[in-house]
Protein backbone atom coordinates (compact mmCIF):
# COMPACT_ATOMS: atom_id res chain seq x y z
CA UNK A 1 27.21 176.56 71.08
CA UNK A 2 27.79 173.07 69.72
CA UNK A 3 27.56 170.13 72.09
CA UNK A 4 30.62 167.88 72.60
CA UNK A 5 29.16 165.22 70.26
CA UNK A 6 28.36 167.79 67.56
CA UNK A 7 31.88 169.18 67.82
CA UNK A 8 33.27 165.65 67.46
CA UNK A 9 31.22 165.09 64.37
CA UNK A 10 32.30 168.44 62.86
CA UNK A 11 35.91 167.57 63.53
CA UNK A 12 35.68 164.25 61.78
CA UNK A 13 34.37 165.95 58.61
CA UNK A 14 37.01 168.62 58.36
CA UNK A 15 39.91 168.74 55.93
CA UNK A 16 43.21 167.07 56.59
CA UNK A 17 46.04 169.44 57.15
CA UNK A 18 48.41 168.23 59.93
CA UNK A 19 50.09 165.03 61.05
CA UNK A 20 48.67 165.37 64.63
CA UNK A 21 45.30 163.86 65.83
CA UNK A 22 42.96 166.65 66.82
CA UNK A 23 41.06 164.27 69.12
CA UNK A 24 44.08 163.57 71.26
CA UNK A 25 43.40 164.29 74.93
CA UNK A 26 46.62 166.29 75.16
CA UNK A 27 47.62 167.23 71.61
CA UNK A 28 51.34 167.83 71.17
CA UNK A 29 52.69 171.39 70.63
CA UNK A 30 51.68 172.48 67.15
CA UNK A 31 48.26 170.93 67.17
CA UNK A 32 46.08 173.05 69.34
CA UNK A 33 43.08 173.30 67.24
CA UNK A 34 40.18 175.78 67.72
CA UNK A 35 37.10 173.53 67.40
CA UNK A 36 34.70 175.96 69.10
CA UNK A 37 34.95 179.71 68.53
CA UNK A 38 33.70 180.28 72.05
CA UNK A 39 36.98 178.81 73.32
CA UNK A 40 39.18 181.31 71.49
CA UNK A 41 40.13 183.36 74.61
CA UNK A 42 40.94 180.31 76.64
CA UNK A 43 44.49 179.90 75.23
CA UNK A 44 47.29 182.23 74.03
CA UNK A 45 47.59 180.52 70.58
CA UNK A 46 45.72 178.31 68.13
CA UNK A 47 47.22 176.37 65.31
CA UNK A 48 46.15 176.16 61.62
CA UNK A 49 43.37 178.84 61.99
CA UNK A 50 42.26 180.23 58.61
CA UNK A 51 41.76 184.09 58.47
CA UNK A 52 38.33 185.46 59.06
CA UNK A 53 36.09 186.63 56.15
CA UNK A 54 36.96 190.23 56.71
CA UNK A 55 40.70 189.68 56.48
CA UNK A 56 40.59 190.40 52.75
CA UNK A 57 39.54 193.98 53.53
CA UNK A 58 42.18 194.29 56.18
CA UNK A 59 44.91 193.11 53.78
CA UNK A 60 43.73 195.40 50.95
CA UNK A 61 43.62 198.48 53.19
CA UNK A 62 47.06 197.82 54.59
CA UNK A 63 48.67 197.22 51.17
CA UNK A 64 46.97 200.26 49.63
CA UNK A 65 48.37 202.48 52.32
CA UNK A 66 51.83 201.07 51.95
CA UNK A 67 51.90 201.29 48.15
CA UNK A 68 50.58 204.92 48.28
CA UNK A 69 53.80 206.03 50.10
CA UNK A 70 56.72 203.62 49.47
CA UNK A 71 60.39 204.33 50.17
CA UNK A 72 61.42 207.07 47.77
CA UNK A 73 63.15 205.85 44.63
CA UNK A 74 66.35 207.80 45.35
CA UNK A 75 66.67 206.34 48.89
CA UNK A 76 66.28 202.74 48.15
CA UNK A 77 69.83 202.01 47.08
CA UNK A 78 71.21 202.96 50.48
CA UNK A 79 69.25 200.19 52.17
CA UNK A 80 70.52 197.56 49.85
CA UNK A 81 74.24 198.60 49.69
CA UNK A 82 75.49 197.15 52.95
CA UNK A 83 72.75 195.22 54.76
CA UNK A 84 75.32 193.42 57.02
CA UNK A 85 76.00 196.83 58.68
CA UNK A 86 72.38 197.17 59.74
CA UNK A 87 72.34 193.56 61.18
CA UNK A 88 75.53 194.40 63.03
CA UNK A 89 73.88 197.42 64.56
CA UNK A 90 70.87 195.31 65.35
CA UNK A 91 72.89 192.72 67.30
CA UNK A 92 74.96 195.39 69.07
CA UNK A 93 71.69 196.88 70.34
CA UNK A 94 70.00 193.61 71.22
CA UNK A 95 73.03 191.37 72.00
CA UNK A 96 71.79 187.78 72.50
CA UNK A 97 68.59 188.68 74.32
CA UNK A 98 66.19 189.21 71.46
CA UNK A 99 65.55 185.87 69.61
CA UNK A 100 64.17 183.14 71.77
CA UNK A 101 65.91 179.74 71.65
CA UNK A 102 64.22 177.79 68.86
CA UNK A 103 63.63 174.59 70.79
CA UNK A 104 60.61 173.92 68.52
CA UNK A 105 62.94 172.96 65.64
CA UNK A 106 63.16 169.35 66.84
CA UNK A 107 59.39 169.03 66.44
CA UNK A 108 59.24 170.44 62.97
CA UNK A 109 62.38 168.92 61.65
CA UNK A 110 63.00 165.42 63.17
CA UNK A 111 66.02 165.05 60.88
CA UNK A 112 67.89 167.23 63.38
CA UNK A 113 67.01 164.96 66.23
CA UNK A 114 68.10 161.85 64.21
CA UNK A 115 71.48 163.53 63.42
CA UNK A 116 72.18 164.07 67.11
CA UNK A 117 71.66 160.40 68.05
CA UNK A 118 74.78 158.55 69.31
CA UNK A 119 74.68 156.14 66.43
CA UNK A 120 74.05 158.68 63.62
CA UNK A 121 77.61 158.66 62.47
CA UNK A 122 79.63 161.43 60.74
CA UNK A 123 77.34 164.29 59.68
CA UNK A 124 77.70 167.97 59.03
CA UNK A 125 74.86 170.45 59.65
CA UNK A 126 75.19 174.13 58.70
CA UNK A 127 72.95 176.86 59.97
CA UNK A 128 72.92 179.70 57.55
CA UNK A 129 71.84 183.05 59.03
CA UNK A 130 72.61 181.77 62.55
CA UNK A 131 72.35 185.10 64.26
CA UNK A 132 73.31 184.55 67.91
CA UNK A 133 72.85 180.78 67.58
CA UNK A 134 69.21 180.39 68.71
CA UNK A 135 68.89 177.26 66.53
CA UNK A 136 72.41 175.75 66.59
CA UNK A 137 72.90 175.92 70.35
CA UNK A 138 69.78 173.92 71.29
CA UNK A 139 70.96 171.31 68.84
CA UNK A 140 74.51 171.36 70.31
CA UNK A 141 73.09 171.09 73.82
CA UNK A 142 71.04 168.01 72.91
CA UNK A 143 73.73 166.41 70.73
CA UNK A 144 74.87 162.84 71.66
CA UNK A 145 76.71 162.21 68.30
CA UNK A 146 80.45 162.53 68.78
CA UNK A 147 80.75 162.70 64.98
CA UNK A 148 78.38 165.58 64.43
CA UNK A 149 80.07 168.69 63.04
CA UNK A 150 77.98 171.91 63.36
CA UNK A 151 78.69 175.01 61.25
CA UNK A 152 77.15 178.44 61.87
CA UNK A 153 77.28 181.34 59.44
CA UNK A 154 75.93 184.85 59.37
CA UNK A 155 76.97 188.01 57.46
CA UNK A 156 76.87 189.99 60.65
CA UNK A 157 80.32 190.10 62.19
CA UNK A 158 78.85 191.04 65.57
CA UNK A 159 76.47 188.11 65.57
CA UNK A 160 79.33 185.70 64.96
CA UNK A 161 81.33 187.16 67.81
CA UNK A 162 78.39 186.56 70.10
CA UNK A 163 78.23 182.96 68.90
CA UNK A 164 81.95 182.46 69.39
CA UNK A 165 81.90 183.76 72.98
CA UNK A 166 78.98 181.48 74.06
CA UNK A 167 80.14 178.99 76.71
CA UNK A 168 78.74 176.10 74.64
CA UNK A 169 80.86 177.21 71.63
CA UNK A 170 84.00 177.38 73.81
CA UNK A 171 83.41 173.95 75.37
CA UNK A 172 81.02 171.87 73.27
CA UNK A 173 79.75 168.88 75.35
CA UNK A 174 79.74 166.46 72.40
CA UNK A 175 80.76 166.91 68.76
CA UNK A 176 82.13 170.12 67.31
CA UNK A 177 81.08 173.56 66.26
CA UNK A 178 82.64 176.25 64.08
CA UNK A 179 81.21 179.68 63.30
CA UNK A 180 82.31 182.15 60.65
CA UNK A 181 81.24 185.32 58.88
CA UNK A 182 79.76 184.53 55.46
CA UNK A 183 77.42 186.24 53.11
CA UNK A 184 74.97 183.68 51.63
CA UNK A 185 74.60 185.87 48.49
CA UNK A 186 78.31 186.12 47.73
CA UNK A 187 80.17 184.26 45.05
CA UNK A 188 82.30 182.23 47.46
CA UNK A 189 81.53 179.41 49.86
CA UNK A 190 82.23 179.79 53.57
CA UNK A 191 85.87 179.63 54.73
CA UNK A 192 87.39 176.14 54.83
CA UNK A 193 84.25 174.57 53.39
CA UNK A 194 84.39 172.40 50.22
CA UNK A 195 81.60 171.83 47.73
CA UNK A 196 79.50 168.82 48.59
CA UNK A 197 80.49 168.63 52.23
CA UNK A 198 77.24 169.33 54.15
CA UNK A 199 74.52 166.89 54.97
CA UNK A 200 71.80 169.30 56.24
CA UNK A 201 71.41 173.04 55.91
CA UNK A 202 68.92 175.05 58.02
CA UNK A 203 67.57 178.28 56.62
CA UNK A 204 65.37 179.79 59.37
CA UNK A 205 63.98 183.32 58.60
CA UNK A 206 67.13 184.08 56.50
CA UNK A 207 66.15 184.14 52.79
CA UNK A 208 63.62 186.83 53.55
CA UNK A 209 66.44 189.11 54.61
CA UNK A 210 67.92 189.07 51.10
CA UNK A 211 66.99 191.30 48.17
CA UNK A 212 65.11 189.24 45.59
CA UNK A 213 67.95 189.77 43.14
CA UNK A 214 70.18 187.84 45.55
CA UNK A 215 68.01 184.73 45.84
CA UNK A 216 69.40 182.82 42.85
CA UNK A 217 73.04 183.15 44.00
CA UNK A 218 71.97 182.17 47.54
CA UNK A 219 70.17 179.05 46.36
CA UNK A 220 73.10 178.16 44.11
CA UNK A 221 75.51 178.38 47.10
CA UNK A 222 73.27 176.19 49.18
CA UNK A 223 73.23 173.64 46.39
CA UNK A 224 77.01 173.74 46.15
CA UNK A 225 77.57 173.14 49.78
CA UNK A 226 75.21 170.11 50.08
CA UNK A 227 76.19 166.57 49.38
CA UNK A 228 74.04 164.71 46.82
CA UNK A 229 70.74 163.98 48.47
CA UNK A 230 71.49 166.67 51.11
CA UNK A 231 68.57 168.41 52.72
CA UNK A 232 67.56 172.03 53.24
CA UNK A 233 65.17 172.75 56.20
CA UNK A 234 63.47 175.93 55.58
CA UNK A 235 61.11 178.32 57.42
CA UNK A 236 60.27 181.96 56.71
CA UNK A 237 57.67 184.65 56.52
CA UNK A 238 54.43 184.09 54.51
CA UNK A 239 52.45 186.66 52.61
CA UNK A 240 50.04 188.82 54.61
CA UNK A 241 51.57 187.79 57.96
CA UNK A 242 50.66 190.21 60.72
CA UNK A 243 54.16 191.78 60.52
CA UNK A 244 53.65 192.69 56.86
CA UNK A 245 50.25 194.24 57.46
CA UNK A 246 51.59 196.46 60.30
CA UNK A 247 54.20 198.22 58.21
CA UNK A 248 53.27 201.86 57.85
CA UNK A 249 54.08 204.39 55.03
CA UNK A 250 57.64 204.81 53.89
CA UNK A 251 58.68 201.17 54.51
CA UNK A 252 57.91 199.50 51.20
CA UNK A 253 61.13 198.96 49.24
CA UNK A 254 59.89 196.53 46.52
CA UNK A 255 57.14 194.06 45.84
CA UNK A 256 56.30 192.60 49.31
CA UNK A 257 59.82 193.68 50.47
CA UNK A 258 60.12 196.08 53.39
CA UNK A 259 62.61 198.06 55.44
CA UNK A 260 62.22 197.89 59.11
CA UNK A 261 62.80 200.77 61.60
CA UNK A 262 66.30 199.27 62.39
CA UNK A 263 67.09 199.33 58.66
CA UNK A 264 67.07 195.52 58.23
CA UNK A 265 65.00 194.08 55.34
CA UNK A 266 62.32 191.52 55.14
CA UNK A 267 60.39 189.81 52.27
CA UNK A 268 57.06 187.93 52.57
CA UNK A 269 56.81 184.87 50.39
CA UNK A 270 53.74 184.09 48.20
CA UNK A 271 51.16 181.71 49.61
CA UNK A 272 49.26 180.69 46.43
CA UNK A 273 45.56 181.03 46.63
CA UNK A 274 44.49 182.39 50.08
CA UNK A 275 43.83 179.57 52.56
CA UNK A 276 40.15 180.29 53.22
CA UNK A 277 39.45 180.36 49.39
CA UNK A 278 41.30 177.02 49.11
CA UNK A 279 39.06 175.46 51.67
CA UNK A 280 35.82 176.90 50.22
CA UNK A 281 36.51 176.63 46.53
CA UNK A 282 39.32 174.47 45.12
CA UNK A 283 39.88 170.71 45.02
CA UNK A 284 43.46 171.38 44.07
CA UNK A 285 45.65 174.29 44.89
CA UNK A 286 49.22 175.51 44.84
CA UNK A 287 51.21 176.20 47.96
CA UNK A 288 53.81 178.92 47.15
CA UNK A 289 55.05 178.72 43.64
CA UNK A 290 57.65 181.34 44.65
CA UNK A 291 59.58 178.94 46.82
CA UNK A 292 59.03 176.08 44.31
CA UNK A 293 60.49 178.25 41.59
CA UNK A 294 63.42 179.27 43.74
CA UNK A 295 64.45 175.75 44.67
CA UNK A 296 63.29 173.71 41.65
CA UNK A 297 62.88 176.14 38.77
CA UNK A 298 59.24 175.00 38.37
CA UNK A 299 55.87 175.60 39.95
CA UNK A 300 54.60 173.18 42.52
CA UNK A 301 53.95 169.89 40.64
CA UNK A 302 50.35 168.81 40.41
CA UNK A 303 51.18 165.53 42.14
CA UNK A 304 52.22 167.53 45.20
CA UNK A 305 49.14 169.72 45.47
CA UNK A 306 46.90 167.32 47.46
CA UNK A 307 47.85 166.40 51.04
CA UNK A 308 47.38 162.96 52.48
CA UNK A 309 47.94 163.86 56.07
CA UNK A 310 45.55 163.19 58.82
CA UNK A 311 44.54 165.91 61.25
CA UNK A 312 42.23 168.82 60.75
CA UNK A 313 41.63 172.47 60.01
CA UNK A 314 38.32 174.32 59.95
CA UNK A 315 36.38 173.72 56.74
CA UNK A 316 33.63 176.21 57.53
CA UNK A 317 33.79 179.99 57.81
CA UNK A 318 34.62 180.25 61.51
CA UNK A 319 37.22 181.36 62.24
CA UNK A 320 50.69 192.62 68.31
CA UNK A 321 54.23 192.77 67.84
CA UNK A 322 55.42 196.37 67.03
CA UNK A 323 55.08 197.53 63.47
CA UNK A 324 57.70 196.05 61.25
CA UNK A 325 59.40 194.44 64.19
CA UNK A 326 61.35 191.16 64.26
CA UNK A 327 59.31 188.31 65.87
CA UNK A 328 61.43 186.72 68.57
CA UNK A 329 58.75 184.07 69.26
CA UNK A 330 58.68 182.71 65.66
CA UNK A 331 57.33 179.61 67.31
CA UNK A 332 56.17 176.82 65.14
CA UNK A 333 53.13 174.52 64.94
CA UNK A 334 52.98 171.63 62.41
CA UNK A 335 52.78 172.77 58.85
CA UNK A 336 49.83 171.82 56.69
CA UNK A 337 49.56 171.08 52.99
CA UNK A 338 45.87 171.43 52.55
CA UNK A 339 43.46 169.85 50.12
CA UNK A 340 39.80 170.81 49.76
CA UNK A 341 36.53 169.43 48.61
CA UNK A 342 34.79 170.90 45.51
CA UNK A 343 32.73 174.03 46.12
CA UNK A 344 29.02 173.88 46.79
CA UNK A 345 28.58 177.63 46.55
CA UNK A 346 31.42 178.98 44.29
CA UNK A 347 32.45 182.63 44.74
CA UNK A 348 32.00 184.90 41.83
CA UNK A 349 34.96 184.70 39.31
CA UNK A 350 35.40 188.42 39.37
CA UNK A 351 36.31 188.25 43.04
CA UNK A 352 38.70 185.36 42.48
CA UNK A 353 40.55 187.28 39.83
CA UNK A 354 41.44 189.87 42.39
CA UNK A 355 42.92 187.22 44.66
CA UNK A 356 45.46 185.62 42.26
CA UNK A 357 48.85 184.82 43.77
CA UNK A 358 51.58 187.31 43.06
CA UNK A 359 54.99 186.00 42.13
CA UNK A 360 57.93 188.42 42.29
CA UNK A 361 59.12 189.78 39.02
CA UNK A 362 62.59 188.31 39.58
CA UNK A 363 61.12 184.81 39.52
CA UNK A 364 58.97 185.48 36.50
CA UNK A 365 62.04 186.66 34.57
CA UNK A 366 64.61 184.09 35.79
CA UNK A 367 66.38 181.84 33.33
CA UNK A 368 66.91 178.18 34.04
CA UNK A 369 69.77 178.80 36.56
CA UNK A 370 70.78 175.09 36.36
CA UNK A 371 67.43 173.86 37.54
CA UNK A 372 66.16 171.56 38.70
CA UNK A 373 68.55 171.89 41.68
CA UNK A 374 66.23 170.42 44.31
CA UNK A 375 63.27 168.16 44.81
CA UNK A 376 60.48 169.15 47.19
CA UNK A 377 60.01 166.86 50.21
CA UNK A 378 57.67 169.17 52.06
CA UNK A 379 56.22 172.62 51.35
CA UNK A 380 53.32 174.17 53.15
CA UNK A 381 51.75 177.14 54.84
CA UNK A 382 51.68 177.39 58.59
CA UNK A 383 48.98 179.67 60.12
CA UNK A 384 48.70 180.47 63.76
CA UNK A 385 46.15 182.72 65.66
CA UNK A 386 47.96 184.48 68.54
CA UNK A 387 45.58 185.79 71.17
CA UNK A 388 46.04 188.70 73.58
CA UNK A 389 43.50 187.67 76.17
CA UNK A 390 43.82 190.81 78.26
CA UNK A 391 43.15 193.17 75.40
CA UNK A 392 40.86 190.75 73.47
CA UNK A 393 43.01 190.95 70.36
CA UNK A 394 43.41 188.29 67.58
CA UNK A 395 46.65 188.33 65.60
CA UNK A 396 47.13 186.10 62.55
CA UNK A 397 50.63 184.81 61.87
CA UNK A 398 51.65 183.21 58.55
CA UNK A 399 54.87 181.24 57.94
CA UNK A 400 56.16 179.13 55.09
CA UNK A 401 57.92 175.78 55.76
CA UNK A 402 59.70 173.41 53.45
CA UNK A 403 62.19 170.65 53.03
CA UNK A 404 64.16 170.56 49.74
CA UNK A 405 66.47 167.73 48.75
CA UNK A 406 69.51 168.23 46.47
CA UNK A 407 69.27 166.33 43.23
């Protein structure tokens, strides 16, 4: 085991990936770094932990099993015909007791905190895919801005009913709130909303619920709603997240697109080159060209590929929810955009070729679609190691996070 001084020296040599100081006596939420593998069972979760070396084998085995028995071709249409119905059924079964309140949003997206300040002035924030209001109600509770207008939309009628019967909705302490049923992938804007009327849009685990063929219309609608310079705050599932690997046979609908047991759908967005390969091999890398293509029409620009942030992630080789289930914790550490030093012992090219990132066919075939619609303010991969100390289990979560500004 490394001594305290040795650990400190190792930390100082690691690669920048987060805005928090790993040497802080009490690091803020989102910067609990695993600096000694012997400490792994001392906490329930660790931030920015790259996957172990054998994770490639775990991923390959899981995907091979899923691809060997996908959803039968003649059954796929029924899961895509009326997805709102399945979300209605989900919320009827779970009411408002499934998703935890997303109080972590103010840590990841300080723009929301600023909008709720008394002096912020007239602002409109729209939460798309609001569910039962697990993101909008914490913001409403903390709001001190009398001129803040909150809008909450979901294509589940039952979810909106739950929002509209919440005591905070009925008597907002400060500011205003309005919720309505709206399908992000439709051809119309939400009721009573004009183009260019929203300052900030939050999209938290919502785009992944749409079929890839619906993405372009969804992004176009978001662009129409925002004012010039308006901001999208985005968080969603990343490729090879624990949830994806736990899907069994008969759940794969399309490329990295699955049907859960409750008939709701979920997509897992591309990461670019796997994180541990980035750290060991590349001096430059791409962080999710899928999301860059969706919002900007182009891959991640080379100028965006190297991070200048300050805290750390392991640069050596150190280091569950039910199958296909929603993840109510969806908690969030800080999101890294990782750069790496050139390799000293490159991996064989034949191995690298098997690990190339996979962009969905829809994005490969898309036309210009009016791009560029957005500029990238932030785009990164957020990895977290969840630990079950009683059962001695390690569970690797992967999320994507971004901020996109309307041009």
